[in-house]
C-alpha atoms as a PDB file:
ATOM      1  CA  MET A   1     101.169  83.206 126.431  1.00  0.00           C
ATOM      2  CA  LYS A   2      98.273  83.369 129.535  1.00  0.00           C
ATOM      3  CA  ASP A   3      99.740  86.881 130.168  1.00  0.00           C
ATOM      4  CA  GLN A   4      99.606  88.097 127.069  1.00  0.00           C
ATOM      5  CA  PHE A   5      96.449  86.839 126.157  1.00  0.00           C
ATOM      6  CA  LYS A   6      94.759  88.317 129.837  1.00  0.00           C
ATOM      7  CA  GLU A   7      96.311  91.784 128.809  1.00  0.00           C
ATOM      8  CA  LEU A   8      94.579  91.482 125.204  1.00  0.00           C
ATOM      9  CA  LEU A   9      91.406  90.638 126.784  1.00  0.00           C
ATOM     10  CA  ARG A  10      91.742  93.967 128.994  1.00  0.00           C
ATOM     11  CA  GLU A  11      92.763  96.013 126.080  1.00  0.00           C
ATOM     12  CA  VAL A  12      89.203  94.851 124.445  1.00  0.00           C
ATOM     13  CA  TRP A  13      86.894  97.643 125.642  1.00  0.00           C
ATOM     14  CA  ASN A  14      86.979 100.994 124.800  1.00  0.00           C
ATOM     15  CA  VAL A  15      85.227 102.012 120.543  1.00  0.00           C
ATOM     16  CA  PRO A  16      87.663 101.086 118.083  1.00  0.00           C
ATOM     17  CA  ASN A  17      88.354  97.528 119.803  1.00  0.00           C
ATOM     18  CA  LEU A  18      84.488  96.955 119.787  1.00  0.00           C
ATOM     19  CA  LEU A  19      83.900  97.947 115.964  1.00  0.00           C
ATOM     20  CA  THR A  20      86.673  95.617 115.270  1.00  0.00           C
ATOM     21  CA  MET A  21      84.397  92.900 116.889  1.00  0.00           C
ATOM     22  CA  PHE A  22      81.208  94.170 115.548  1.00  0.00           C
ATOM     23  CA  ARG A  23      82.547  93.834 112.218  1.00  0.00           C
ATOM     24  CA  LEU A  24      83.879  90.155 112.630  1.00  0.00           C
ATOM     25  CA  ILE A  25      80.313  89.455 113.750  1.00  0.00           C
ATOM     26  CA  LEU A  26      79.179  90.860 110.778  1.00  0.00           C
ATOM     27  CA  VAL A  27      81.504  88.631 108.614  1.00  0.00           C
ATOM     28  CA  PRO A  28      78.947  85.259 109.115  1.00  0.00           C
ATOM     29  CA  PHE A  29      75.823  87.827 107.991  1.00  0.00           C
ATOM     30  CA  PHE A  30      77.564  88.967 105.422  1.00  0.00           C
ATOM     31  CA  ILE A  31      77.793  85.425 103.758  1.00  0.00           C
ATOM     32  CA  LEU A  32      74.893  84.069 104.870  1.00  0.00           C
ATOM     33  CA  ILE A  33      72.951  87.213 102.869  1.00  0.00           C
ATOM     34  CA  TYR A  34      75.365  86.884  99.916  1.00  0.00           C
ATOM     35  CA  LEU A  35      74.681  83.412  99.675  1.00  0.00           C
ATOM     36  CA  ASP A  36      70.934  83.645  99.854  1.00  0.00           C
ATOM     37  CA  GLY A  37      70.494  85.288  96.337  1.00  0.00           C
ATOM     38  CA  HIS A  38      70.675  89.148  98.353  1.00  0.00           C
ATOM     39  CA  ALA A  39      73.836  90.231  96.846  1.00  0.00           C
ATOM     40  CA  TYR A  40      72.854  93.971  97.320  1.00  0.00           C
ATOM     41  CA  GLN A  41      71.906  93.759 100.790  1.00  0.00           C
ATOM     42  CA  ALA A  42      74.874  91.475 101.206  1.00  0.00           C
ATOM     43  CA  LEU A  43      77.084  95.192  99.713  1.00  0.00           C
ATOM     44  CA  GLY A  44      75.833  96.543 102.021  1.00  0.00           C
ATOM     45  CA  ILE A  45      76.474  94.877 105.417  1.00  0.00           C
ATOM     46  CA  PHE A  46      79.794  94.371 103.220  1.00  0.00           C
ATOM     47  CA  CYS A  47      79.710  98.859 103.434  1.00  0.00           C
ATOM     48  CA  LEU A  48      79.049  98.783 106.607  1.00  0.00           C
ATOM     49  CA  ALA A  49      81.847  96.757 107.821  1.00  0.00           C
ATOM     50  CA  SER A  50      84.321  98.432 105.673  1.00  0.00           C
ATOM     51  CA  LEU A  51      83.196 101.955 107.102  1.00  0.00           C
ATOM     52  CA  THR A  52      83.581 100.341 110.394  1.00  0.00           C
ATOM     53  CA  ASP A  53      87.401  99.582 108.982  1.00  0.00           C
ATOM     54  CA  MET A  54      87.930 102.771 108.538  1.00  0.00           C
ATOM     55  CA  LEU A  55      86.695 104.659 111.634  1.00  0.00           C
ATOM     56  CA  ASP A  56      88.234 102.223 114.097  1.00  0.00           C
ATOM     57  CA  GLY A  57      91.478 103.030 112.705  1.00  0.00           C
ATOM     58  CA  TYR A  58      90.487 106.951 112.919  1.00  0.00           C
ATOM     59  CA  LEU A  59      89.271 106.600 116.567  1.00  0.00           C
ATOM     60  CA  ALA A  60      92.238 104.427 118.013  1.00  0.00           C
ATOM     61  CA  ARG A  61      93.942 106.919 116.820  1.00  0.00           C
ATOM     62  CA  LYS A  62      92.732 110.004 117.966  1.00  0.00           C
ATOM     63  CA  ASN A  63      92.137 109.163 121.076  1.00  0.00           C
ATOM     64  CA  ASN A  64      95.475 107.684 121.968  1.00  0.00           C
ATOM     65  CA  GLN A  65      93.494 103.901 121.811  1.00  0.00           C
ATOM     66  CA  ILE A  66      95.983 101.945 119.516  1.00  0.00           C
ATOM     67  CA  THR A  67      96.452  98.660 121.411  1.00  0.00           C
ATOM     68  CA  SER A  68      98.030  95.533 120.952  1.00  0.00           C
ATOM     69  CA  PHE A  69      94.465  93.868 120.521  1.00  0.00           C
ATOM     70  CA  GLY A  70      93.285  96.268 118.132  1.00  0.00           C
ATOM     71  CA  LYS A  71      96.633  95.524 116.011  1.00  0.00           C
ATOM     72  CA  LEU A  72      96.077  91.639 116.301  1.00  0.00           C
ATOM     73  CA  MET A  73      92.509  91.858 115.276  1.00  0.00           C
ATOM     74  CA  ASP A  74      91.614  95.066 113.258  1.00  0.00           C
ATOM     75  CA  PRO A  75      93.931  92.813 110.257  1.00  0.00           C
ATOM     76  CA  LEU A  76      92.477  89.535 111.242  1.00  0.00           C
ATOM     77  CA  ALA A  77      88.293  91.390 110.739  1.00  0.00           C
ATOM     78  CA  ASP A  78      89.140  92.705 107.470  1.00  0.00           C
ATOM     79  CA  LYS A  79      90.849  89.590 106.559  1.00  0.00           C
ATOM     80  CA  LEU A  80      88.187  87.265 107.403  1.00  0.00           C
ATOM     81  CA  LEU A  81      86.142  90.478 105.433  1.00  0.00           C
ATOM     82  CA  VAL A  82      87.531  90.232 102.392  1.00  0.00           C
ATOM     83  CA  ILE A  83      88.273  86.209 102.059  1.00  0.00           C
ATOM     84  CA  SER A  84      84.814  85.473 102.643  1.00  0.00           C
ATOM     85  CA  ALA A  85      84.071  88.651  99.923  1.00  0.00           C
ATOM     86  CA  LEU A  86      86.219  86.674  97.572  1.00  0.00           C
ATOM     87  CA  VAL A  87      84.892  83.259  98.064  1.00  0.00           C
ATOM     88  CA  CYS A  88      81.250  84.137  97.736  1.00  0.00           C
ATOM     89  CA  HIS A  89      82.219  86.315  94.205  1.00  0.00           C
ATOM     90  CA  VAL A  90      84.567  83.297  93.491  1.00  0.00           C
ATOM     91  CA  ILE A  91      81.408  81.062  94.096  1.00  0.00           C
ATOM     92  CA  GLN A  92      79.245  83.099  91.741  1.00  0.00           C
ATOM     93  CA  GLY A  93      81.472  82.636  89.407  1.00  0.00           C
ATOM     94  CA  ILE A  94      82.925  86.460  89.392  1.00  0.00           C
ATOM     95  CA  PHE A  95      86.387  85.561  90.365  1.00  0.00           C
ATOM     96  CA  PRO A  96      88.799  83.470  89.740  1.00  0.00           C
ATOM     97  CA  TRP A  97      90.057  79.858  92.145  1.00  0.00           C
ATOM     98  CA  SER A  98      93.296  80.714  91.441  1.00  0.00           C
ATOM     99  CA  ALA A  99      92.889  83.912  93.705  1.00  0.00           C
ATOM    100  CA  ILE A 100      91.362  82.139  96.351  1.00  0.00           C
ATOM    101  CA  VAL A 101      94.252  79.957  96.517  1.00  0.00           C
ATOM    102  CA  LEU A 102      97.106  82.661  96.298  1.00  0.00           C
ATOM    103  CA  MET A 103      95.200  84.586  98.931  1.00  0.00           C
ATOM    104  CA  VAL A 104      94.971  81.625 101.647  1.00  0.00           C
ATOM    105  CA  ILE A 105      97.986  80.181 101.274  1.00  0.00           C
ATOM    106  CA  LYS A 106      99.632  83.804 102.075  1.00  0.00           C
ATOM    107  CA  GLU A 107      97.051  84.470 104.590  1.00  0.00           C
ATOM    108  CA  THR A 108      97.919  81.088 106.402  1.00  0.00           C
ATOM    109  CA  GLY A 109     101.725  81.813 106.161  1.00  0.00           C
ATOM    110  CA  MET A 110     100.627  84.979 107.714  1.00  0.00           C
ATOM    111  CA  ILE A 111      98.810  83.846 110.728  1.00  0.00           C
ATOM    112  CA  VAL A 112     101.188  81.029 111.391  1.00  0.00           C
ATOM    113  CA  GLY A 113     104.223  83.985 111.321  1.00  0.00           C
ATOM    114  CA  SER A 114     102.194  86.565 113.376  1.00  0.00           C
ATOM    115  CA  LEU A 115     101.352  84.141 116.611  1.00  0.00           C
ATOM    116  CA  PHE A 116     104.665  82.253 115.819  1.00  0.00           C
ATOM    117  CA  LEU A 117     106.263  85.865 116.967  1.00  0.00           C
ATOM    118  CA  LEU A 118     103.514  86.808 119.193  1.00  0.00           C
ATOM    119  CA  ASN A 119     103.678  84.060 121.487  1.00  0.00           C
ATOM    120  CA  LYS A 120     108.123  83.006 121.081  1.00  0.00           C
ATOM    121  CA  LYS A 121     109.105  87.309 120.827  1.00  0.00           C
ATOM    122  CA  ASN A 122     105.906  88.919 121.711  1.00  0.00           C
ATOM    123  CA  VAL A 123     105.879  90.947 118.678  1.00  0.00           C
ATOM    124  CA  VAL A 124     102.694  91.997 117.545  1.00  0.00           C
ATOM    125  CA  VAL A 125     103.202  92.112 113.820  1.00  0.00           C
ATOM    126  CA  HIS A 126     100.671  95.157 112.762  1.00  0.00           C
ATOM    127  CA  ALA A 127      99.552  96.456 109.255  1.00  0.00           C
ATOM    128  CA  ASN A 128     102.143  98.000 106.690  1.00  0.00           C
ATOM    129  CA  TYR A 129     101.532 100.486 103.970  1.00  0.00           C
ATOM    130  CA  PHE A 130     101.469  97.597 101.199  1.00  0.00           C
ATOM    131  CA  GLY A 131      98.710  95.320 103.380  1.00  0.00           C
ATOM    132  CA  LYS A 132      96.528  98.953 103.844  1.00  0.00           C
ATOM    133  CA  THR A 133      97.129  99.832 100.181  1.00  0.00           C
ATOM    134  CA  ALA A 134      96.113  96.039  99.344  1.00  0.00           C
ATOM    135  CA  THR A 135      93.311  95.751 101.446  1.00  0.00           C
ATOM    136  CA  CYS A 136      91.765  98.957  99.904  1.00  0.00           C
ATOM    137  CA  CYS A 137      92.264  97.542  96.487  1.00  0.00           C
ATOM    138  CA  PHE A 138      90.249  94.670  97.691  1.00  0.00           C
ATOM    139  CA  MET A 139      87.494  96.348  98.734  1.00  0.00           C
ATOM    140  CA  ALA A 140      87.334  98.591  95.531  1.00  0.00           C
ATOM    141  CA  ALA A 141      87.779  95.389  93.533  1.00  0.00           C
ATOM    142  CA  LEU A 142      84.852  93.052  95.321  1.00  0.00           C
ATOM    143  CA  ILE A 143      82.280  96.111  95.382  1.00  0.00           C
ATOM    144  CA  LEU A 144      83.221  96.553  91.373  1.00  0.00           C
ATOM    145  CA  GLY A 145      82.559  92.898  91.672  1.00  0.00           C
ATOM    146  CA  PHE A 146      79.164  93.108  92.856  1.00  0.00           C
ATOM    147  CA  PHE A 147      78.295  95.255  89.976  1.00  0.00           C
ATOM    148  CA  HIS A 148      80.549  92.643  87.331  1.00  0.00           C
ATOM    149  CA  GLU A 149      77.311  92.299  84.740  1.00  0.00           C
ATOM    150  CA  PRO A 150      77.103  95.680  83.889  1.00  0.00           C
ATOM    151  CA  ILE A 151      80.634  96.311  83.997  1.00  0.00           C
ATOM    152  CA  SER A 152      81.507  93.454  82.092  1.00  0.00           C
ATOM    153  CA  HIS A 153      80.650  94.796  78.475  1.00  0.00           C
ATOM    154  CA  TRP A 154      83.607  97.304  79.385  1.00  0.00           C
ATOM    155  CA  SER A 155      86.991  97.673  77.612  1.00  0.00           C
ATOM    156  CA  ILE A 156      88.578  96.413  80.559  1.00  0.00           C
ATOM    157  CA  GLN A 157      86.969  94.349  83.382  1.00  0.00           C
ATOM    158  CA  LEU A 158      88.296  96.388  86.215  1.00  0.00           C
ATOM    159  CA  ASP A 159      87.075  94.441  89.115  1.00  0.00           C
ATOM    160  CA  ILE A 160      89.407  91.795  88.204  1.00  0.00           C
ATOM    161  CA  TRP A 161      92.384  94.115  87.238  1.00  0.00           C
ATOM    162  CA  LEU A 162      92.270  95.577  90.553  1.00  0.00           C
ATOM    163  CA  LEU A 163      91.901  91.953  92.015  1.00  0.00           C
ATOM    164  CA  TRP A 164      95.091  90.874  90.412  1.00  0.00           C
ATOM    165  CA  ILE A 165      96.773  94.251  91.703  1.00  0.00           C
ATOM    166  CA  ALA A 166      95.491  93.786  95.164  1.00  0.00           C
ATOM    167  CA  VAL A 167      96.713  90.234  94.663  1.00  0.00           C
ATOM    168  CA  ALA A 168     100.007  91.560  93.755  1.00  0.00           C
ATOM    169  CA  LEU A 169     100.004  94.288  96.569  1.00  0.00           C
ATOM    170  CA  SER A 170      99.369  91.602  99.725  1.00  0.00           C
ATOM    171  CA  TYR A 171     102.370  89.347  98.780  1.00  0.00           C
ATOM    172  CA  LEU A 172     104.611  92.189  98.347  1.00  0.00           C
ATOM    173  CA  ALA A 173     103.231  93.295 101.947  1.00  0.00           C
ATOM    174  CA  ALA A 174     103.975  89.420 102.958  1.00  0.00           C
ATOM    175  CA  PHE A 175     107.237  89.832 101.422  1.00  0.00           C
ATOM    176  CA  THR A 176     107.997  93.166 104.061  1.00  0.00           C
ATOM    177  CA  TYR A 177     106.388  90.565 107.114  1.00  0.00           C
ATOM    178  CA  LEU A 178     108.792  88.024 106.112  1.00  0.00           C
ATOM    179  CA  GLN A 179     111.591  90.561 106.692  1.00  0.00           C
ATOM    180  CA  LEU A 180     110.903  91.186 109.841  1.00  0.00           C
ATOM    181  CA  PHE A 181     109.700  88.209 110.997  1.00  0.00           C
ATOM    182  CA  LEU A 182     113.250  86.874 109.697  1.00  0.00           C
ATOM    183  CA  ARG A 183     114.886  89.991 111.698  1.00  0.00           C
ATOM    184  CA  GLN A 184     113.108  89.713 114.821  1.00  0.00           C
ATOM    185  CA  ILE A 185     114.448  85.423 114.818  1.00  0.00           C
ATOM    186  CA  LYS A 186     118.141  86.763 114.072  1.00  0.00           C
ATOM    187  CA  GLU A 187     117.858  90.000 116.382  1.00  0.00           C
ATOM    188  CA  ASN A 188     116.553  87.502 119.440  1.00  0.00           C
ATOM    189  CA  PRO A 189     117.149  83.367 118.718  1.00  0.00           C
ATOM    190  CA  SER A 190     115.864  82.172 122.058  1.00  0.00           C
END
């Protein structure tokens, strides 16, 4: 495990991974500004952080800088950003608490499973299609959540619908990760 950690640290110093770390740094600023009553400024930080997510993935593929650090930290940064925005919207009464509970349960399972696979099987679990699609839906729902009041008069609450679609997709992604987890254990029982 110590050697794996050292290898991850060596991989850090490229532009895609620095963008991921920048996104991680933006999360607490987003929370503080949002909860201080500056929702639209927080939206700007949220959008900037979301753009770094798209940019780091593009640059990693384009420049062949896909690393184990990036595979591990990029989804973690995404999860922290999404869950932070989700919690803030719940605190403001925009989104239901049940969405948070479901996501915390799922994310806890994902983190524990990913750490187990990395530590015991030397396997880095990276985002799949369902996870990436869920993240996009979460981002759209969360951005619309900043405009919940003006759009609450529409015949359909688009932000809430997108939120539940994102939750469903994230559980579908978790199911595919669970299949990978079980396959890894079956193939390498030691």
